[in-house]
C-alpha atoms as a PDB file:
ATOM      1  CA  MET A   1       6.281   4.344  -3.932  1.00  0.00           C
ATOM      2  CA  ARG A   2       5.238   7.502  -4.400  1.00  0.00           C
ATOM      3  CA  GLY A   3       1.697   9.023  -3.039  1.00  0.00           C
ATOM      4  CA  HIS A   4       0.089  12.523  -3.486  1.00  0.00           C
ATOM      5  CA  CYS A   5      -3.136  14.183  -1.779  1.00  0.00           C
ATOM      6  CA  LEU A   6      -6.333  14.419  -3.586  1.00  0.00           C
ATOM      7  CA  CYS A   7      -5.647  17.031  -5.803  1.00  0.00           C
ATOM      8  CA  GLY A   8      -2.179  16.141  -6.500  1.00  0.00           C
ATOM      9  CA  THR A   9      -0.807  19.154  -5.665  1.00  0.00           C
ATOM     10  CA  VAL A  10       1.504  17.487  -2.125  1.00  0.00           C
ATOM     11  CA  LYS A  11       3.492  14.929  -3.595  1.00  0.00           C
ATOM     12  CA  PHE A  12       5.837  12.860  -1.487  1.00  0.00           C
ATOM     13  CA  GLU A  13       7.945   9.518  -2.308  1.00  0.00           C
ATOM     14  CA  ILE A  14       8.557   6.618   0.228  1.00  0.00           C
ATOM     15  CA  ASP A  15      11.591   4.024  -0.305  1.00  0.00           C
ATOM     16  CA  GLY A  16      10.196   0.276  -0.549  1.00  0.00           C
ATOM     17  CA  ASP A  17       6.958  -0.993  -1.612  1.00  0.00           C
ATOM     18  CA  ARG A  18       5.961  -3.349   1.501  1.00  0.00           C
ATOM     19  CA  PHE A  19       4.449  -1.317   4.393  1.00  0.00           C
ATOM     20  CA  LYS A  20       3.080  -2.444   7.678  1.00  0.00           C
ATOM     21  CA  LEU A  21      -0.307  -0.544   8.369  1.00  0.00           C
ATOM     22  CA  TYR A  22      -2.459   0.402  11.710  1.00  0.00           C
ATOM     23  CA  GLN A  23      -5.840   1.714  11.972  1.00  0.00           C
ATOM     24  CA  CYS A  24      -6.476   4.288  15.124  1.00  0.00           C
ATOM     25  CA  HIS A  25     -10.034   4.068  16.017  1.00  0.00           C
ATOM     26  CA  CYS A  26      -9.788   7.190  18.583  1.00  0.00           C
ATOM     27  CA  SER A  27     -11.942   9.822  17.877  1.00  0.00           C
ATOM     28  CA  LEU A  28      -9.898  12.364  16.698  1.00  0.00           C
ATOM     29  CA  CYS A  29      -8.330   9.503  13.876  1.00  0.00           C
ATOM     30  CA  ARG A  30     -12.298   9.700  13.125  1.00  0.00           C
ATOM     31  CA  ARG A  31     -13.351  13.100  12.523  1.00  0.00           C
ATOM     32  CA  GLN A  32     -10.010  13.785  10.694  1.00  0.00           C
ATOM     33  CA  GLY A  33     -10.534  10.884   7.971  1.00  0.00           C
ATOM     34  CA  GLY A  34     -14.325  11.415   8.798  1.00  0.00           C
ATOM     35  CA  SER A  35     -14.389   7.736   8.635  1.00  0.00           C
ATOM     36  CA  LEU A  36     -14.490   4.655  11.518  1.00  0.00           C
ATOM     37  CA  SER A  37     -10.494   4.809  11.124  1.00  0.00           C
ATOM     38  CA  ASN A  38      -7.017   6.310  10.028  1.00  0.00           C
ATOM     39  CA  THR A  39      -5.171   3.803   8.068  1.00  0.00           C
ATOM     40  CA  ALA A  40      -1.392   4.560   7.911  1.00  0.00           C
ATOM     41  CA  THR A  41       2.191   3.852   8.711  1.00  0.00           C
ATOM     42  CA  ILE A  42       5.080   5.315  10.586  1.00  0.00           C
ATOM     43  CA  VAL A  43       8.411   5.386   8.652  1.00  0.00           C
ATOM     44  CA  PRO A  44      12.133   6.610   9.233  1.00  0.00           C
ATOM     45  CA  ASP A  45      12.019   9.941   7.896  1.00  0.00           C
ATOM     46  CA  SER A  46      15.541   9.274   5.873  1.00  0.00           C
ATOM     47  CA  ASN A  47      13.481   7.178   4.002  1.00  0.00           C
ATOM     48  CA  PHE A  48      10.780   9.830   2.837  1.00  0.00           C
ATOM     49  CA  ARG A  49      10.838  12.616   0.268  1.00  0.00           C
ATOM     50  CA  TRP A  50       8.449  15.498  -0.357  1.00  0.00           C
ATOM     51  CA  LEU A  51       8.823  15.812  -4.503  1.00  0.00           C
ATOM     52  CA  GLY A  52       6.196  18.924  -4.368  1.00  0.00           C
ATOM     53  CA  GLY A  53       3.637  20.861  -2.852  1.00  0.00           C
ATOM     54  CA  GLU A  54       5.482  21.186   0.761  1.00  0.00           C
ATOM     55  CA  GLU A  55       4.505  25.003   0.176  1.00  0.00           C
ATOM     56  CA  PHE A  56       0.679  24.114   0.167  1.00  0.00           C
ATOM     57  CA  ILE A  57       0.634  22.274   3.449  1.00  0.00           C
ATOM     58  CA  SER A  58      -1.095  23.785   6.287  1.00  0.00           C
ATOM     59  CA  SER A  59      -0.899  22.574  10.378  1.00  0.00           C
ATOM     60  CA  TRP A  60      -3.215  21.734  13.187  1.00  0.00           C
ATOM     61  CA  LYS A  61      -2.380  20.775  16.250  1.00  0.00           C
ATOM     62  CA  HIS A  62      -4.647  19.689  19.125  1.00  0.00           C
ATOM     63  CA  ASP A  63      -3.435  20.581  22.559  1.00  0.00           C
ATOM     64  CA  ARG A  64      -3.018  16.518  23.384  1.00  0.00           C
ATOM     65  CA  GLY A  65      -0.533  16.822  20.927  1.00  0.00           C
ATOM     66  CA  PHE A  66      -2.421  14.958  17.923  1.00  0.00           C
ATOM     67  CA  ARG A  67      -1.216  17.095  14.905  1.00  0.00           C
ATOM     68  CA  SER A  68      -2.793  17.218  11.592  1.00  0.00           C
ATOM     69  CA  ASP A  69      -1.198  18.178   8.628  1.00  0.00           C
ATOM     70  CA  PHE A  70      -3.515  18.623   5.140  1.00  0.00           C
ATOM     71  CA  CYS A  71      -3.221  19.835   1.906  1.00  0.00           C
ATOM     72  CA  SER A  72      -5.077  23.899   2.142  1.00  0.00           C
ATOM     73  CA  ILE A  73      -6.546  23.030  -1.513  1.00  0.00           C
ATOM     74  CA  CYS A  74      -8.341  19.689  -1.042  1.00  0.00           C
ATOM     75  CA  GLY A  75      -7.703  19.229   2.275  1.00  0.00           C
ATOM     76  CA  SER A  76      -6.862  15.772   2.384  1.00  0.00           C
ATOM     77  CA  PRO A  77      -4.234  14.964   5.735  1.00  0.00           C
ATOM     78  CA  VAL A  78      -1.481  14.577   4.371  1.00  0.00           C
ATOM     79  CA  PRO A  79       2.016  12.592   5.897  1.00  0.00           C
ATOM     80  CA  ASN A  80       4.081  14.867   8.678  1.00  0.00           C
ATOM     81  CA  PRO A  81       6.757  14.173  11.127  1.00  0.00           C
ATOM     82  CA  LEU A  82       6.273  12.274  14.155  1.00  0.00           C
ATOM     83  CA  ARG A  83       6.704  13.943  17.030  1.00  0.00           C
ATOM     84  CA  ASN A  84      10.264  14.966  17.638  1.00  0.00           C
ATOM     85  CA  MET A  85      11.309  11.804  16.473  1.00  0.00           C
ATOM     86  CA  PRO A  86      13.188  10.779  12.908  1.00  0.00           C
ATOM     87  CA  TYR A  87      10.019   9.386  11.571  1.00  0.00           C
ATOM     88  CA  PHE A  88       7.113  10.660   9.422  1.00  0.00           C
ATOM     89  CA  TRP A  89       3.168   9.621   9.716  1.00  0.00           C
ATOM     90  CA  VAL A  90       1.603   8.801   6.135  1.00  0.00           C
ATOM     91  CA  PRO A  91      -1.835   7.833   5.345  1.00  0.00           C
ATOM     92  CA  ALA A  92      -2.126   5.234   3.643  1.00  0.00           C
ATOM     93  CA  GLY A  93      -5.165   6.140   0.910  1.00  0.00           C
ATOM     94  CA  LEU A  94      -2.689   8.324  -0.266  1.00  0.00           C
ATOM     95  CA  PHE A  95      -0.494   5.765  -2.256  1.00  0.00           C
ATOM     96  CA  GLU A  96      -0.799   6.038  -5.670  1.00  0.00           C
ATOM     97  CA  GLN A  97      -0.425   2.042  -6.454  1.00  0.00           C
ATOM     98  CA  GLY A  98      -1.276  -0.670  -3.658  1.00  0.00           C
ATOM     99  CA  GLY A  99       2.085  -2.740  -2.930  1.00  0.00           C
ATOM    100  CA  GLU A 100       2.450  -5.002  -0.679  1.00  0.00           C
ATOM    101  CA  LEU A 101       0.469  -3.217   2.288  1.00  0.00           C
ATOM    102  CA  GLU A 102      -0.926  -5.096   5.493  1.00  0.00           C
ATOM    103  CA  ILE A 103      -2.591  -4.035   8.653  1.00  0.00           C
ATOM    104  CA  VAL A 104      -0.704  -5.201  11.314  1.00  0.00           C
ATOM    105  CA  ALA A 105      -2.169  -3.046  14.712  1.00  0.00           C
ATOM    106  CA  HIS A 106      -5.657  -1.620  15.278  1.00  0.00           C
ATOM    107  CA  LEU A 107      -5.140   1.460  18.099  1.00  0.00           C
ATOM    108  CA  CYS A 108      -7.867   2.655  20.766  1.00  0.00           C
ATOM    109  CA  THR A 109     -10.234  -0.028  20.156  1.00  0.00           C
ATOM    110  CA  ALA A 110     -11.690   1.159  23.493  1.00  0.00           C
ATOM    111  CA  SER A 111     -13.060   4.203  22.770  1.00  0.00           C
ATOM    112  CA  LYS A 112     -14.084   2.540  18.792  1.00  0.00           C
ATOM    113  CA  ALA A 113     -17.815   4.319  17.163  1.00  0.00           C
ATOM    114  CA  SER A 114     -20.729   2.075  18.070  1.00  0.00           C
ATOM    115  CA  TRP A 115     -20.844   1.094  14.894  1.00  0.00           C
ATOM    116  CA  ASP A 116     -17.416   0.074  14.033  1.00  0.00           C
ATOM    117  CA  SER A 117     -16.973  -3.648  13.726  1.00  0.00           C
ATOM    118  CA  ILE A 118     -13.154  -4.376  13.922  1.00  0.00           C
ATOM    119  CA  PRO A 119     -11.656  -7.441  11.828  1.00  0.00           C
ATOM    120  CA  LEU A 120      -9.290  -9.896  13.777  1.00  0.00           C
ATOM    121  CA  GLN A 121      -6.558  -8.575  11.586  1.00  0.00           C
ATOM    122  CA  GLY A 122      -3.636  -7.752  13.209  1.00  0.00           C
ATOM    123  CA  ALA A 123      -2.459  -7.271  17.423  1.00  0.00           C
ATOM    124  CA  CYS A 124      -5.393  -5.136  19.199  1.00  0.00           C
ATOM    125  CA  TYR A 125      -4.830  -1.869  21.824  1.00  0.00           C
ATOM    126  CA  ASP A 126      -7.434  -0.579  23.594  1.00  0.00           C
ATOM    127  CA  GLU A 127      -4.994   2.651  23.576  1.00  0.00           C
ATOM    128  CA  LEU A 128      -2.219   3.778  22.590  1.00  0.00           C
ATOM    129  CA  PRO A 129       1.228   1.190  22.835  1.00  0.00           C
ATOM    130  CA  ASN A 130       4.389   2.520  24.399  1.00  0.00           C
ATOM    131  CA  LEU A 131       5.574   4.566  21.175  1.00  0.00           C
ATOM    132  CA  SER A 132       9.387   2.957  20.171  1.00  0.00           C
ATOM    133  CA  GLU A 133       7.674  -0.628  20.807  1.00  0.00           C
ATOM    134  CA  PHE A 134       4.868   0.517  17.830  1.00  0.00           C
ATOM    135  CA  ILE A 135       7.389   1.600  15.720  1.00  0.00           C
ATOM    136  CA  ALA A 136       9.291  -0.628  15.821  1.00  0.00           C
ATOM    137  CA  LEU A 137       6.672  -3.465  15.238  1.00  0.00           C
ATOM    138  CA  ILE A 138       5.717  -1.418  12.110  1.00  0.00           C
ATOM    139  CA  ASN A 139       8.966  -1.078  11.050  1.00  0.00           C
ATOM    140  CA  ASP A 140      10.523  -4.614  12.066  1.00  0.00           C
ATOM    141  CA  LEU A 141      12.486  -3.380  14.422  1.00  0.00           C
ATOM    142  CA  LYS A 142      13.637  -4.494  17.757  1.00  0.00           C
ATOM    143  CA  PRO A 143      12.854  -2.343  20.641  1.00  0.00           C
END
């Protein structure tokens, strides 16, 4: 599946067309996306390839470790490496076609916005779950 930023400068490709997604409802994710949550997936770096525009990616990192990579032309959030792990975080809104996408989890539900009404689709975590177990859930792996 292919994806790109709003202006089409930053482009990438991921092996496959079926992905499990999550929505994070924390304040950092709300501010990054300007909405009630951030919808994304996590994929092994071996399944991820840049197709162009890497030189236009800027990055900002919060002192708590939150990282936001974005296109320096249009400002769209773009994929970024997941800490020091062999995975990429990929915003779902960048995919060119739908594929088979399923929301399987909601994170940080205890800190959701007061106007956020979380649907009952998938598991709900009050805070961030154990990262290794969460990656296993998203990628159908055994923890």
